[in-house]
């Protein structure tokens, strides 16, 4: 009897939870989107999309001194509406 290897495809299920602002932004950006129009010369070419994000508002800046023996390090907390950023003194704002 021959031994044959069989591989089965893996199915990855990812649950995405978003807030209402992200859903509203997505809906507003794609409201006038026409699926029949492609921004390339050849219809079989891939479409390259570039996008970016930036920090809009800083609510508060908190400095936390931390001491490691003779060394000291200062950590800066940037508190924004949805996320918190941790920066050390070696990183620039």
N, C-alpha and C. Protein backbone atom coordinates (compact mmCIF):
# COMPACT_ATOMS: atom_id res chain seq x y z
N UNK A 1 0.84 -1.17 0.00
CA UNK A 1 0.00 0.00 0.00
C UNK A 1 0.89 1.24 0.00
N UNK A 2 0.62 2.17 -0.89
CA UNK A 2 1.42 3.40 -0.98
C UNK A 2 0.91 4.42 0.04
N UNK A 3 1.87 5.08 0.67
CA UNK A 3 1.52 6.18 1.59
C UNK A 3 1.56 7.49 0.81
N UNK A 4 0.45 8.16 0.75
CA UNK A 4 0.38 9.44 0.04
C UNK A 4 0.02 10.54 1.03
N UNK A 5 0.73 11.62 0.91
CA UNK A 5 0.47 12.76 1.80
C UNK A 5 -0.69 13.58 1.23
N UNK A 6 -1.51 14.02 2.12
CA UNK A 6 -2.65 14.84 1.72
C UNK A 6 -2.64 16.11 2.56
N UNK A 7 -2.69 17.24 1.91
CA UNK A 7 -2.75 18.50 2.64
C UNK A 7 -4.12 19.13 2.44
N UNK A 8 -4.64 19.66 3.50
CA UNK A 8 -5.94 20.32 3.45
C UNK A 8 -5.74 21.83 3.57
N UNK A 9 -6.50 22.60 2.84
CA UNK A 9 -6.35 24.06 2.96
C UNK A 9 -6.83 24.54 4.33
N UNK A 10 -6.15 25.52 4.84
CA UNK A 10 -6.52 26.11 6.12
C UNK A 10 -7.46 27.28 5.88
N UNK A 11 -8.44 27.40 6.72
CA UNK A 11 -9.39 28.51 6.62
C UNK A 11 -9.16 29.41 7.82
N UNK A 12 -8.90 30.66 7.55
CA UNK A 12 -8.64 31.64 8.61
C UNK A 12 -9.87 32.53 8.74
N UNK A 13 -10.43 32.53 9.92
CA UNK A 13 -11.59 33.38 10.19
C UNK A 13 -11.14 34.47 11.15
N UNK A 14 -11.30 35.71 10.74
CA UNK A 14 -10.89 36.84 11.55
C UNK A 14 -12.13 37.67 11.86
N UNK A 15 -12.33 37.92 13.13
CA UNK A 15 -13.45 38.76 13.54
C UNK A 15 -12.97 40.19 13.64
N UNK A 16 -13.64 41.08 12.95
CA UNK A 16 -13.25 42.48 12.94
C UNK A 16 -14.32 43.28 13.67
N UNK A 17 -13.87 44.00 14.69
CA UNK A 17 -14.78 44.85 15.45
C UNK A 17 -14.36 46.29 15.20
N UNK A 18 -15.27 47.09 14.72
CA UNK A 18 -14.95 48.49 14.47
C UNK A 18 -16.00 49.36 15.14
N UNK A 19 -15.63 50.59 15.33
CA UNK A 19 -16.59 51.50 15.95
C UNK A 19 -17.41 52.21 14.88
N UNK A 20 -18.38 52.94 15.30
CA UNK A 20 -19.30 53.57 14.35
C UNK A 20 -18.62 54.66 13.53
N UNK A 21 -17.57 55.30 14.07
CA UNK A 21 -16.87 56.34 13.32
C UNK A 21 -16.09 55.73 12.15
N UNK A 22 -15.47 54.58 12.38
CA UNK A 22 -14.75 53.90 11.30
C UNK A 22 -15.72 53.43 10.23
N UNK A 23 -16.87 52.92 10.65
CA UNK A 23 -17.88 52.50 9.68
C UNK A 23 -18.40 53.68 8.88
N UNK A 24 -18.61 54.81 9.53
CA UNK A 24 -19.11 56.00 8.84
C UNK A 24 -18.07 56.52 7.85
N UNK A 25 -16.78 56.51 8.24
CA UNK A 25 -15.72 56.94 7.35
C UNK A 25 -15.65 56.04 6.12
N UNK A 26 -15.72 54.75 6.34
CA UNK A 26 -15.70 53.79 5.22
C UNK A 26 -16.87 54.03 4.28
N UNK A 27 -18.04 54.25 4.84
CA UNK A 27 -19.23 54.49 4.02
C UNK A 27 -19.12 55.80 3.24
N UNK A 28 -18.60 56.85 3.88
CA UNK A 28 -18.45 58.14 3.20
C UNK A 28 -17.42 58.08 2.08
N UNK A 29 -16.31 57.37 2.30
CA UNK A 29 -15.27 57.29 1.29
C UNK A 29 -15.70 56.48 0.07
N UNK A 30 -16.51 55.47 0.28
CA UNK A 30 -16.90 54.60 -0.83
C UNK A 30 -18.31 54.87 -1.35
N UNK A 31 -18.90 55.99 -0.99
CA UNK A 31 -20.28 56.27 -1.38
C UNK A 31 -20.42 56.38 -2.90
N UNK A 32 -19.52 57.11 -3.55
CA UNK A 32 -19.60 57.31 -4.99
C UNK A 32 -18.68 56.37 -5.76
N UNK A 33 -18.20 55.31 -5.14
CA UNK A 33 -17.28 54.37 -5.78
C UNK A 33 -18.00 53.57 -6.86
N UNK A 34 -17.43 53.56 -8.04
CA UNK A 34 -17.99 52.79 -9.15
C UNK A 34 -17.09 51.58 -9.38
N UNK A 35 -17.62 50.39 -9.18
CA UNK A 35 -16.83 49.16 -9.32
C UNK A 35 -16.46 48.86 -10.76
N UNK A 36 -17.14 49.46 -11.72
CA UNK A 36 -16.88 49.18 -13.13
C UNK A 36 -15.72 49.99 -13.69
N UNK A 37 -15.27 51.00 -13.00
CA UNK A 37 -14.18 51.85 -13.47
C UNK A 37 -12.91 51.49 -12.71
N UNK A 38 -11.84 51.22 -13.48
CA UNK A 38 -10.55 50.90 -12.86
C UNK A 38 -9.54 51.96 -13.26
N UNK A 39 -8.78 52.50 -12.33
CA UNK A 39 -7.82 53.57 -12.64
C UNK A 39 -6.50 53.06 -13.21
N UNK A 40 -6.54 52.11 -14.14
CA UNK A 40 -5.34 51.60 -14.81
C UNK A 40 -5.62 51.53 -16.31
N UNK A 41 -4.55 51.51 -17.10
CA UNK A 41 -4.72 51.44 -18.55
C UNK A 41 -5.17 50.04 -19.00
N UNK A 42 -4.56 49.02 -18.43
CA UNK A 42 -4.90 47.65 -18.77
C UNK A 42 -5.82 47.10 -17.69
N UNK A 43 -6.95 46.56 -18.07
CA UNK A 43 -7.94 46.09 -17.09
C UNK A 43 -7.44 44.92 -16.26
N UNK A 44 -6.44 44.19 -16.75
CA UNK A 44 -5.92 43.07 -15.97
C UNK A 44 -4.77 43.47 -15.05
N UNK A 45 -4.35 44.73 -15.11
CA UNK A 45 -3.27 45.20 -14.23
C UNK A 45 -3.76 45.36 -12.80
N UNK A 46 -2.84 45.21 -11.87
CA UNK A 46 -3.18 45.40 -10.46
C UNK A 46 -3.28 46.89 -10.15
N UNK A 47 -4.14 47.22 -9.24
CA UNK A 47 -4.31 48.60 -8.81
C UNK A 47 -3.50 48.80 -7.55
N UNK A 48 -2.60 49.78 -7.55
CA UNK A 48 -1.80 50.07 -6.36
C UNK A 48 -2.46 51.22 -5.61
N UNK A 49 -2.70 51.00 -4.34
CA UNK A 49 -3.37 51.99 -3.50
C UNK A 49 -2.43 52.37 -2.37
N UNK A 50 -2.23 53.66 -2.16
CA UNK A 50 -1.41 54.15 -1.06
C UNK A 50 -2.27 55.05 -0.19
N UNK A 51 -2.14 54.88 1.11
CA UNK A 51 -2.87 55.75 2.03
C UNK A 51 -2.04 55.96 3.27
N UNK A 52 -2.37 56.96 4.03
CA UNK A 52 -1.63 57.26 5.25
C UNK A 52 -2.55 57.78 6.32
N UNK A 53 -2.03 57.84 7.51
CA UNK A 53 -2.79 58.35 8.65
C UNK A 53 -1.88 59.24 9.47
N UNK A 54 -2.47 60.15 10.19
CA UNK A 54 -1.68 61.04 11.03
C UNK A 54 -2.42 61.32 12.33
N UNK A 55 -1.67 61.73 13.32
CA UNK A 55 -2.23 62.08 14.61
C UNK A 55 -2.88 63.46 14.49
N UNK A 56 -4.14 63.56 14.79
CA UNK A 56 -4.86 64.82 14.61
C UNK A 56 -4.85 65.66 15.87
N UNK A 57 -5.07 65.06 17.01
CA UNK A 57 -5.23 65.84 18.23
C UNK A 57 -4.53 65.15 19.39
N UNK A 58 -3.77 65.91 20.17
CA UNK A 58 -3.18 65.42 21.41
C UNK A 58 -3.99 66.02 22.55
N UNK A 59 -4.55 65.16 23.40
CA UNK A 59 -5.37 65.62 24.51
C UNK A 59 -4.51 66.01 25.70
N UNK A 60 -3.52 65.19 26.04
CA UNK A 60 -2.71 65.46 27.22
C UNK A 60 -1.34 64.82 27.05
N UNK A 61 -0.32 65.41 27.66
CA UNK A 61 1.03 64.86 27.67
C UNK A 61 1.41 64.61 29.12
N UNK A 62 1.79 63.39 29.42
CA UNK A 62 2.15 63.01 30.79
C UNK A 62 3.58 62.51 30.77
N UNK A 63 4.42 63.08 31.62
CA UNK A 63 5.82 62.63 31.73
C UNK A 63 5.96 61.75 32.96
N UNK A 64 6.55 60.58 32.77
CA UNK A 64 6.73 59.62 33.85
C UNK A 64 8.22 59.35 34.00
N UNK A 65 8.86 59.82 35.08
CA UNK A 65 10.28 59.49 35.27
C UNK A 65 10.42 58.05 35.74
N UNK A 66 11.38 57.34 35.16
CA UNK A 66 11.65 55.97 35.55
C UNK A 66 13.13 55.86 35.86
N UNK A 67 13.48 55.19 36.94
CA UNK A 67 14.86 55.10 37.38
C UNK A 67 15.31 53.64 37.37
N UNK A 68 16.45 53.39 36.77
CA UNK A 68 17.05 52.06 36.73
C UNK A 68 18.45 52.18 37.34
N UNK A 69 18.56 52.03 38.63
CA UNK A 69 19.85 52.16 39.29
C UNK A 69 20.37 53.57 39.12
N UNK A 70 21.52 53.72 38.46
CA UNK A 70 22.10 55.04 38.21
C UNK A 70 21.55 55.68 36.94
N UNK A 71 20.82 54.92 36.13
CA UNK A 71 20.30 55.44 34.88
C UNK A 71 18.87 55.92 35.07
N UNK A 72 18.54 56.99 34.41
CA UNK A 72 17.15 57.46 34.45
C UNK A 72 16.63 57.54 33.02
N UNK A 73 15.39 57.28 32.88
CA UNK A 73 14.74 57.32 31.58
C UNK A 73 13.39 57.99 31.76
N UNK A 74 13.02 58.83 30.83
CA UNK A 74 11.75 59.52 30.93
C UNK A 74 10.84 59.04 29.81
N UNK A 75 9.67 58.60 30.18
CA UNK A 75 8.69 58.12 29.21
C UNK A 75 7.59 59.16 29.07
N UNK A 76 7.19 59.41 27.86
CA UNK A 76 6.14 60.38 27.59
C UNK A 76 4.90 59.64 27.11
N UNK A 77 3.79 59.90 27.73
CA UNK A 77 2.52 59.34 27.29
C UNK A 77 1.77 60.40 26.49
N UNK A 78 1.45 60.10 25.27
CA UNK A 78 0.62 60.99 24.47
C UNK A 78 -0.78 60.42 24.49
N UNK A 79 -1.68 61.10 25.16
CA UNK A 79 -3.05 60.63 25.29
C UNK A 79 -3.89 61.27 24.20
N UNK A 80 -4.43 60.45 23.34
CA UNK A 80 -5.31 60.94 22.29
C UNK A 80 -6.71 60.39 22.53
N UNK A 81 -7.60 60.73 21.62
CA UNK A 81 -8.99 60.32 21.81
C UNK A 81 -9.15 58.80 21.76
N UNK A 82 -8.44 58.13 20.88
CA UNK A 82 -8.65 56.69 20.73
C UNK A 82 -7.44 55.84 21.09
N UNK A 83 -6.23 56.41 21.06
CA UNK A 83 -5.04 55.59 21.32
C UNK A 83 -4.10 56.32 22.26
N UNK A 84 -3.18 55.58 22.82
CA UNK A 84 -2.14 56.13 23.69
C UNK A 84 -0.79 55.74 23.11
N UNK A 85 0.11 56.70 22.96
CA UNK A 85 1.44 56.45 22.43
C UNK A 85 2.46 56.56 23.55
N UNK A 86 3.41 55.63 23.60
CA UNK A 86 4.50 55.67 24.56
C UNK A 86 5.77 56.06 23.82
N UNK A 87 6.43 57.11 24.26
CA UNK A 87 7.68 57.54 23.66
C UNK A 87 8.74 57.65 24.74
N UNK A 88 9.95 57.24 24.43
CA UNK A 88 11.06 57.44 25.36
C UNK A 88 11.80 58.69 24.93
N UNK A 89 12.77 59.11 25.74
CA UNK A 89 13.47 60.36 25.42
C UNK A 89 14.34 60.22 24.18
N UNK A 90 14.67 58.99 23.77
CA UNK A 90 15.47 58.80 22.57
C UNK A 90 14.64 58.96 21.30
N UNK A 91 13.32 58.85 21.42
CA UNK A 91 12.44 59.03 20.27
C UNK A 91 12.02 60.49 20.18
N UNK A 92 11.87 60.97 18.95
CA UNK A 92 11.46 62.35 18.77
C UNK A 92 9.97 62.41 18.52
N UNK A 93 9.36 63.51 18.95
CA UNK A 93 7.93 63.72 18.70
C UNK A 93 7.72 64.18 17.29
